[in-house]
Amino acid sequence: MRAGIVGVGFMGWIHYLAYQRSEQAELVAFCSRDAAKRDGDWTSIQGNFGPPGEKIDVSGMAVYETLDQMLEDPNIDCIDICLPPHLHADAIEKTIAAGKKVLCEKPLALNAADALRLAQMGSPGDVMVAHVLPFMPEFRLLVDAVNDKRFGEPVAGRFKRAISPPDWIPDFYNPETVGGPLIDLHVHDAHLIRVLFGMPEAVHSSSLRKEGVPQLFETLFVYPDGKPVSAGGGVINSPGRGFTHGYEVSFERATIQFEFAAYADGTTANIPLVILHQDGTVEHPELGGGDEIDSFVQEINAAAESIRTGKVSPLLDGQLAADAIELCQQQAE
């Protein structure tokens, strides 16, 4: 897969690093309005994980100022969209019109109607959405267990995801640009729940609101067979805990647990991935090196494989990404 990135910010940088490691995809182009970035100076990029931006060698890539220019490049198979969420729709529409594939960072859109419209653009599989969570080892185990039934059917799940106030994003709660914690943060778990358990028939949600948008929330996802699935989180009013996520998912023959939290003093708390088997045995799987960029490599490789074979990975399927936005919108309402 020959890709071009539009959106040279934090996620564009992370995707750039992933392309450098991929053996199935090549970054052949990017576009940016910033002249310094077009010259390879990405040192202004900062994020909440991974290394800071660096100066990169752009000599082997085609460099453009606008997406319109990059779309005229016949050497590009797929446009990797790493723009702010409110710019996704225009970029996807232009890319599909140009006859190229799309890999769009989450969230696909800021509302369910736009998400469904974008997911259905072009031919089936033309719009792929980069939800990285199922490619992370701690979460990929759940997906694999559902697919191969190693522990039987999933029967219950509880998920959490919270951050400290994202003061570096001044419009974080603006539903027209970022969307707040449900769309920007919880959408990860909404997508994972959709992948693992299917689409619920209803949601029941309670929340504290900020600027009219849910800030801290708890949600029960209602399934016709009564399986208890819930998720909670959002933004806590303390910078002391920068980030936490985790889950406890029960299958017919095992329960899987994982949790991680990072604190402002540099310490962390962790429940390493553990499998509690029905017979009372406890298993601690080895997950490998734990480099966060590796999950993005797997995600990009899945996109490349989808383009090569014409069979889209279910983890990148645009319809599932649209369903996740629908669940977030139901919770907000």
Protein backbone atom coordinates (compact mmCIF):
# COMPACT_ATOMS: atom_id res chain seq x y z
CA MET A 1 0.00 0.00 0.00
CA ARG A 2 1.36 3.40 -1.01
CA ALA A 3 -0.06 6.04 1.31
CA GLY A 4 -0.13 9.80 1.66
CA ILE A 5 -0.81 11.51 4.99
CA VAL A 6 -2.96 14.60 5.32
CA GLY A 7 -2.73 16.21 8.75
CA VAL A 8 0.80 16.52 10.10
CA GLY A 9 -0.01 16.81 13.80
CA PHE A 10 0.37 14.34 16.65
CA MET A 11 -1.51 11.46 15.03
CA GLY A 12 0.12 12.14 11.68
CA TRP A 13 3.49 11.80 13.42
CA ILE A 14 2.49 8.52 15.08
CA HIS A 15 1.30 7.15 11.74
CA TYR A 16 4.57 8.32 10.12
CA LEU A 17 6.52 6.29 12.71
CA ALA A 18 4.34 3.26 12.03
CA TYR A 19 4.96 3.45 8.28
CA GLN A 20 8.71 3.39 8.93
CA ARG A 21 8.31 -0.04 10.57
CA SER A 22 5.71 -1.52 8.24
CA GLU A 23 6.74 -4.11 5.65
CA GLN A 24 3.34 -3.95 3.93
CA ALA A 25 2.81 -0.22 3.54
CA GLU A 26 4.97 2.69 2.39
CA LEU A 27 4.50 6.38 3.07
CA VAL A 28 5.16 8.00 -0.29
CA ALA A 29 3.68 11.48 0.27
CA PHE A 30 2.24 13.95 2.74
CA CYS A 31 0.71 17.40 2.61
CA SER A 32 0.84 20.30 5.05
CA ARG A 33 0.11 24.02 4.96
CA ASP A 34 3.13 24.52 7.25
CA ALA A 35 6.27 25.28 5.22
CA ALA A 36 8.58 24.07 8.00
CA LYS A 37 6.82 20.70 8.12
CA ARG A 38 7.01 20.42 4.35
CA ASP A 39 10.77 20.90 4.73
CA GLY A 40 10.87 18.04 7.27
CA ASP A 41 10.88 19.97 10.56
CA TRP A 42 8.30 18.14 12.67
CA THR A 43 9.92 19.09 15.99
CA SER A 44 6.91 21.19 17.06
CA ILE A 45 4.74 18.06 17.41
CA GLN A 46 3.99 16.90 20.96
CA GLY A 47 1.57 14.28 22.27
CA ASN A 48 0.56 12.19 25.27
CA PHE A 49 2.52 9.09 24.24
CA GLY A 50 5.36 8.12 21.96
CA PRO A 51 8.42 10.21 21.15
CA PRO A 52 8.20 13.94 20.36
CA GLY A 53 8.39 15.09 16.75
CA GLU A 54 11.75 15.14 15.02
CA LYS A 55 13.32 16.39 11.82
CA ILE A 56 12.59 13.85 9.09
CA ASP A 57 14.09 13.12 5.70
CA VAL A 58 11.53 14.13 3.07
CA SER A 59 13.77 13.49 0.06
CA GLY A 60 12.11 10.16 -0.73
CA MET A 61 8.55 11.48 -0.53
CA ALA A 62 6.32 13.70 -2.61
CA VAL A 63 5.44 16.78 -0.54
CA TYR A 64 2.35 18.90 -1.16
CA GLU A 65 0.76 21.96 0.36
CA THR A 66 -2.85 20.86 -0.09
CA LEU A 67 -4.87 17.65 -0.23
CA ASP A 68 -6.18 18.64 -3.67
CA GLN A 69 -2.61 18.61 -4.99
CA MET A 70 -1.80 15.29 -3.34
CA LEU A 71 -4.93 13.64 -4.75
CA GLU A 72 -3.57 14.19 -8.27
CA ASP A 73 -0.58 11.94 -7.49
CA PRO A 74 -1.12 8.61 -9.33
CA ASN A 75 1.47 6.92 -7.11
CA ILE A 76 -0.83 6.99 -4.06
CA ASP A 77 -3.27 4.17 -3.28
CA CYS A 78 -4.64 5.41 0.05
CA ILE A 79 -5.02 8.74 1.81
CA ASP A 80 -4.33 8.49 5.55
CA ILE A 81 -6.47 11.20 7.16
CA CYS A 82 -5.08 12.52 10.46
CA LEU A 83 -6.90 15.86 10.45
CA PRO A 84 -9.06 17.28 13.28
CA PRO A 85 -12.45 15.50 13.34
CA HIS A 86 -14.49 18.35 11.85
CA LEU A 87 -12.33 18.20 8.70
CA HIS A 88 -12.77 14.47 8.11
CA ALA A 89 -15.90 14.69 5.96
CA ASP A 90 -14.46 17.05 3.34
CA ALA A 91 -11.23 15.05 3.10
CA ILE A 92 -13.06 11.72 2.75
CA GLU A 93 -15.42 13.09 0.10
CA LYS A 94 -12.53 14.46 -1.98
CA THR A 95 -10.50 11.27 -1.63
CA ILE A 96 -13.32 8.96 -2.72
CA ALA A 97 -14.12 11.28 -5.64
CA ALA A 98 -10.46 10.98 -6.69
CA GLY A 99 -10.75 7.19 -6.77
CA LYS A 100 -8.45 6.48 -3.83
CA LYS A 101 -8.96 4.48 -0.64
CA VAL A 102 -9.34 6.13 2.78
CA LEU A 103 -7.81 5.29 6.14
CA CYS A 104 -9.32 7.86 8.52
CA GLU A 105 -8.30 8.35 12.14
CA LYS A 106 -11.10 8.02 14.67
CA PRO A 107 -13.65 9.44 15.14
CA LEU A 108 -15.07 9.01 11.67
CA ALA A 109 -17.38 12.00 12.21
CA LEU A 110 -18.92 14.14 14.95
CA ASN A 111 -22.48 12.85 14.54
CA ALA A 112 -24.17 9.62 13.54
CA ALA A 113 -25.76 10.86 10.31
CA ASP A 114 -22.46 12.09 8.88
CA ALA A 115 -20.65 8.95 10.07
CA LEU A 116 -23.12 6.66 8.28
CA ARG A 117 -22.99 8.74 5.10
CA LEU A 118 -19.19 8.71 5.04
CA ALA A 119 -18.97 4.98 5.83
CA GLN A 120 -21.12 4.22 2.80
CA MET A 121 -19.19 6.35 0.32
CA GLY A 122 -17.57 4.69 -2.68
CA SER A 123 -17.50 0.92 -2.94
CA PRO A 124 -17.63 -1.35 0.14
CA GLY A 125 -14.32 -1.09 1.96
CA ASP A 126 -13.21 2.18 0.38
CA VAL A 127 -13.54 3.97 3.73
CA MET A 128 -11.55 2.36 6.54
CA VAL A 129 -11.43 3.86 10.03
CA ALA A 130 -8.35 3.66 12.23
CA HIS A 131 -9.66 2.50 15.60
CA VAL A 132 -6.39 1.31 17.10
CA LEU A 133 -7.67 -0.17 20.37
CA PRO A 134 -8.41 -3.68 18.97
CA PHE A 135 -4.83 -3.80 17.67
CA MET A 136 -3.33 -3.22 21.14
CA PRO A 137 -2.30 -6.58 22.67
CA GLU A 138 -4.36 -6.22 25.86
CA PHE A 139 -7.49 -5.58 23.80
CA ARG A 140 -6.67 -7.74 20.80
CA LEU A 141 -6.86 -10.78 23.09
CA LEU A 142 -10.55 -10.03 23.64
CA VAL A 143 -11.20 -9.77 19.91
CA ASP A 144 -9.36 -13.01 19.20
CA ALA A 145 -11.20 -14.81 22.01
CA VAL A 146 -14.57 -13.73 20.61
CA ASN A 147 -13.56 -14.85 17.11
CA ASP A 148 -12.18 -18.27 17.99
CA LYS A 149 -14.48 -19.03 20.97
CA ARG A 150 -11.55 -20.23 23.09
CA PHE A 151 -13.44 -19.29 26.27
CA GLY A 152 -16.96 -19.66 24.89
CA GLU A 153 -19.27 -16.70 24.29
CA PRO A 154 -18.74 -13.31 25.97
CA VAL A 155 -21.39 -12.82 28.65
CA ALA A 156 -20.51 -9.55 30.42
CA GLY A 157 -18.18 -6.58 30.19
CA ARG A 158 -17.21 -3.47 32.11
CA PHE A 159 -14.98 -0.82 30.51
CA LYS A 160 -13.41 2.42 31.77
CA ARG A 161 -11.50 5.29 30.17
CA ALA A 162 -10.78 8.66 31.78
CA ILE A 163 -8.39 11.58 31.38
CA SER A 164 -7.48 14.72 33.30
CA PRO A 165 -8.74 18.06 31.92
CA PRO A 166 -7.43 18.40 28.34
CA ASP A 167 -6.61 22.08 28.74
CA TRP A 168 -4.35 22.01 25.67
CA ILE A 169 -7.47 21.58 23.48
CA PRO A 170 -9.44 24.82 23.98
CA ASP A 171 -12.45 23.60 21.95
CA PHE A 172 -12.53 20.09 23.44
CA TYR A 173 -16.21 20.39 24.44
CA ASN A 174 -17.31 22.01 21.19
CA PRO A 175 -19.68 19.56 19.42
CA GLU A 176 -18.85 21.16 16.07
CA THR A 177 -15.08 20.61 16.22
CA VAL A 178 -13.96 17.96 18.74
CA GLY A 179 -17.14 16.67 20.38
CA GLY A 180 -16.08 16.22 24.00
CA PRO A 181 -15.20 13.04 25.93
CA LEU A 182 -17.81 10.77 24.34
CA ILE A 183 -16.72 11.39 20.75
CA ASP A 184 -13.02 11.93 21.36
CA LEU A 185 -12.37 9.41 24.15
CA HIS A 186 -15.18 6.97 24.86
CA VAL A 187 -15.61 6.22 21.14
CA HIS A 188 -12.71 3.75 21.58
CA ASP A 189 -14.76 1.65 24.01
CA ALA A 190 -18.02 2.12 22.10
CA HIS A 191 -16.30 0.67 19.04
CA LEU A 192 -14.77 -2.19 21.04
CA ILE A 193 -18.14 -3.02 22.64
CA ARG A 194 -19.71 -3.06 19.17
CA VAL A 195 -16.97 -5.44 17.95
CA LEU A 196 -17.20 -7.79 20.95
CA PHE A 197 -20.91 -7.84 21.79
CA GLY A 198 -22.70 -6.52 18.71
CA MET A 199 -25.02 -3.52 18.52
CA PRO A 200 -27.13 -3.06 21.68
CA GLU A 201 -30.83 -2.38 21.39
CA ALA A 202 -30.66 0.64 23.75
CA VAL A 203 -28.43 2.54 26.15
CA HIS A 204 -29.11 4.01 29.60
CA SER A 205 -26.65 6.75 30.56
CA SER A 206 -26.09 9.18 33.44
CA SER A 207 -23.69 12.09 33.19
CA LEU A 208 -22.32 15.29 34.60
CA ARG A 209 -22.15 17.93 31.88
CA LYS A 210 -19.85 20.77 30.94
CA GLU A 211 -20.86 23.34 28.36
CA GLY A 212 -23.90 21.15 27.69
CA VAL A 213 -21.75 18.13 26.74
CA PRO A 214 -21.35 14.97 28.89
CA GLN A 215 -18.11 15.29 30.85
CA LEU A 216 -18.20 12.29 33.22
CA PHE A 217 -20.58 9.43 32.51
CA GLU A 218 -21.67 5.85 33.18
CA THR A 219 -23.60 3.85 30.60
CA LEU A 220 -25.40 0.50 30.53
CA PHE A 221 -25.66 -1.08 27.08
CA VAL A 222 -28.89 -3.07 26.81
CA TYR A 223 -28.89 -6.41 25.00
CA PRO A 224 -31.97 -8.58 24.38
CA ASP A 225 -30.48 -11.55 26.26
CA GLY A 226 -29.76 -9.40 29.31
CA LYS A 227 -25.96 -9.62 29.28
CA PRO A 228 -24.57 -6.81 31.50
CA VAL A 229 -22.25 -4.52 29.51
CA SER A 230 -21.27 -1.11 30.83
CA ALA A 231 -18.71 1.63 30.32
CA GLY A 232 -17.74 4.73 32.23
CA GLY A 233 -15.28 7.56 32.25
CA GLY A 234 -14.72 10.94 30.70
CA VAL A 235 -12.83 13.86 32.19
CA ILE A 236 -12.10 13.99 35.93
CA ASN A 237 -11.59 17.41 37.54
CA SER A 238 -8.00 16.73 38.58
CA PRO A 239 -4.74 16.83 36.66
CA GLY A 240 -3.35 14.27 39.09
CA ARG A 241 -4.42 11.27 37.01
CA GLY A 242 -3.58 11.97 33.43
CA PHE A 243 -5.03 8.81 31.97
CA THR A 244 -6.58 5.49 32.86
CA HIS A 245 -8.20 2.68 30.90
CA GLY A 246 -9.14 -0.90 31.51
CA TYR A 247 -11.79 -3.58 31.46
CA GLU A 248 -13.13 -6.79 32.96
CA VAL A 249 -14.79 -9.07 30.42
CA SER A 250 -16.37 -12.40 31.31
CA PHE A 251 -16.78 -15.29 28.91
CA GLU A 252 -18.57 -18.57 29.58
CA ARG A 253 -15.34 -20.21 30.77
CA ALA A 254 -13.03 -17.36 31.79
CA THR A 255 -12.82 -13.74 32.93
CA ILE A 256 -10.15 -11.40 31.53
CA GLN A 257 -9.00 -8.31 33.44
CA PHE A 258 -6.69 -5.42 32.62
CA GLU A 259 -6.19 -1.85 33.88
CA PHE A 260 -3.57 0.88 33.59
CA ALA A 261 -3.37 4.37 35.09
CA ALA A 262 -0.77 7.13 34.79
CA TYR A 263 -0.37 9.86 37.45
CA ALA A 264 1.06 13.36 37.33
CA ASP A 265 3.95 12.49 39.67
CA GLY A 266 5.29 10.01 37.15
CA THR A 267 3.99 6.90 38.91
CA THR A 268 1.64 4.35 37.40
CA ALA A 269 -0.80 1.71 38.62
CA ASN A 270 -1.33 -1.47 36.68
CA ILE A 271 -3.34 -4.68 36.70
CA PRO A 272 -1.41 -6.63 34.07
CA LEU A 273 -3.53 -8.70 31.74
CA VAL A 274 -4.79 -11.74 33.65
CA ILE A 275 -7.07 -14.62 32.64
CA LEU A 276 -9.12 -16.19 35.42
CA HIS A 277 -10.16 -19.63 34.20
CA GLN A 278 -13.31 -21.43 35.26
CA ASP A 279 -11.28 -24.20 36.93
CA GLY A 280 -9.62 -21.69 39.28
CA THR A 281 -6.29 -21.42 37.48
CA VAL A 282 -4.81 -17.98 36.87
CA GLU A 283 -2.95 -17.20 33.64
CA HIS A 284 -0.66 -14.20 33.03
CA PRO A 285 -0.10 -14.05 29.25
CA GLU A 286 3.14 -12.61 27.87
CA LEU A 287 2.31 -9.79 25.47
CA GLY A 288 5.72 -8.86 24.12
CA GLY A 289 7.64 -5.60 24.21
CA GLY A 290 4.77 -3.19 24.75
CA ASP A 291 5.91 -0.49 22.30
CA GLU A 292 2.80 1.62 21.60
CA ILE A 293 3.79 2.32 17.99
CA ASP A 294 3.62 -1.43 17.23
CA SER A 295 -0.18 -1.35 17.51
CA PHE A 296 -0.33 1.34 14.84
CA VAL A 297 1.95 -0.77 12.64
CA GLN A 298 -0.56 -3.64 12.95
CA GLU A 299 -3.40 -1.25 12.12
CA ILE A 300 -1.66 0.05 8.99
CA ASN A 301 -0.71 -3.48 7.94
CA ALA A 302 -4.38 -4.46 8.24
CA ALA A 303 -5.31 -1.58 5.93
CA ALA A 304 -2.66 -2.65 3.43
CA GLU A 305 -3.90 -6.24 3.54
CA SER A 306 -7.47 -5.05 3.02
CA ILE A 307 -6.46 -3.13 -0.10
CA ARG A 308 -4.34 -6.04 -1.39
CA THR A 309 -7.05 -8.68 -0.97
CA GLY A 310 -10.23 -6.61 -1.34
CA LYS A 311 -11.47 -8.02 1.99
CA VAL A 312 -11.71 -5.28 4.59
CA SER A 313 -10.60 -6.10 8.12
CA PRO A 314 -13.68 -6.04 10.39
CA LEU A 315 -11.61 -3.93 12.80
CA LEU A 316 -11.35 -1.15 10.18
CA ASP A 317 -14.88 -1.43 8.82
CA GLY A 318 -16.51 1.96 8.33
CA GLN A 319 -19.97 0.70 9.33
CA LEU A 320 -18.72 -0.43 12.75
CA ALA A 321 -17.07 2.97 13.21
CA ALA A 322 -20.36 4.64 12.33
CA ASP A 323 -22.17 2.40 14.83
CA ALA A 324 -19.73 3.58 17.51
CA ILE A 325 -20.65 7.20 16.78
CA GLU A 326 -24.33 6.24 16.93
CA LEU A 327 -23.78 4.74 20.40
CA CYS A 328 -21.97 7.89 21.58
CA GLN A 329 -24.79 10.05 20.26
CA GLN A 330 -27.41 7.92 22.00
CA GLN A 331 -25.52 8.33 25.27
CA ALA A 332 -25.32 12.10 24.83
CA GLU A 333 -29.05 12.26 24.19
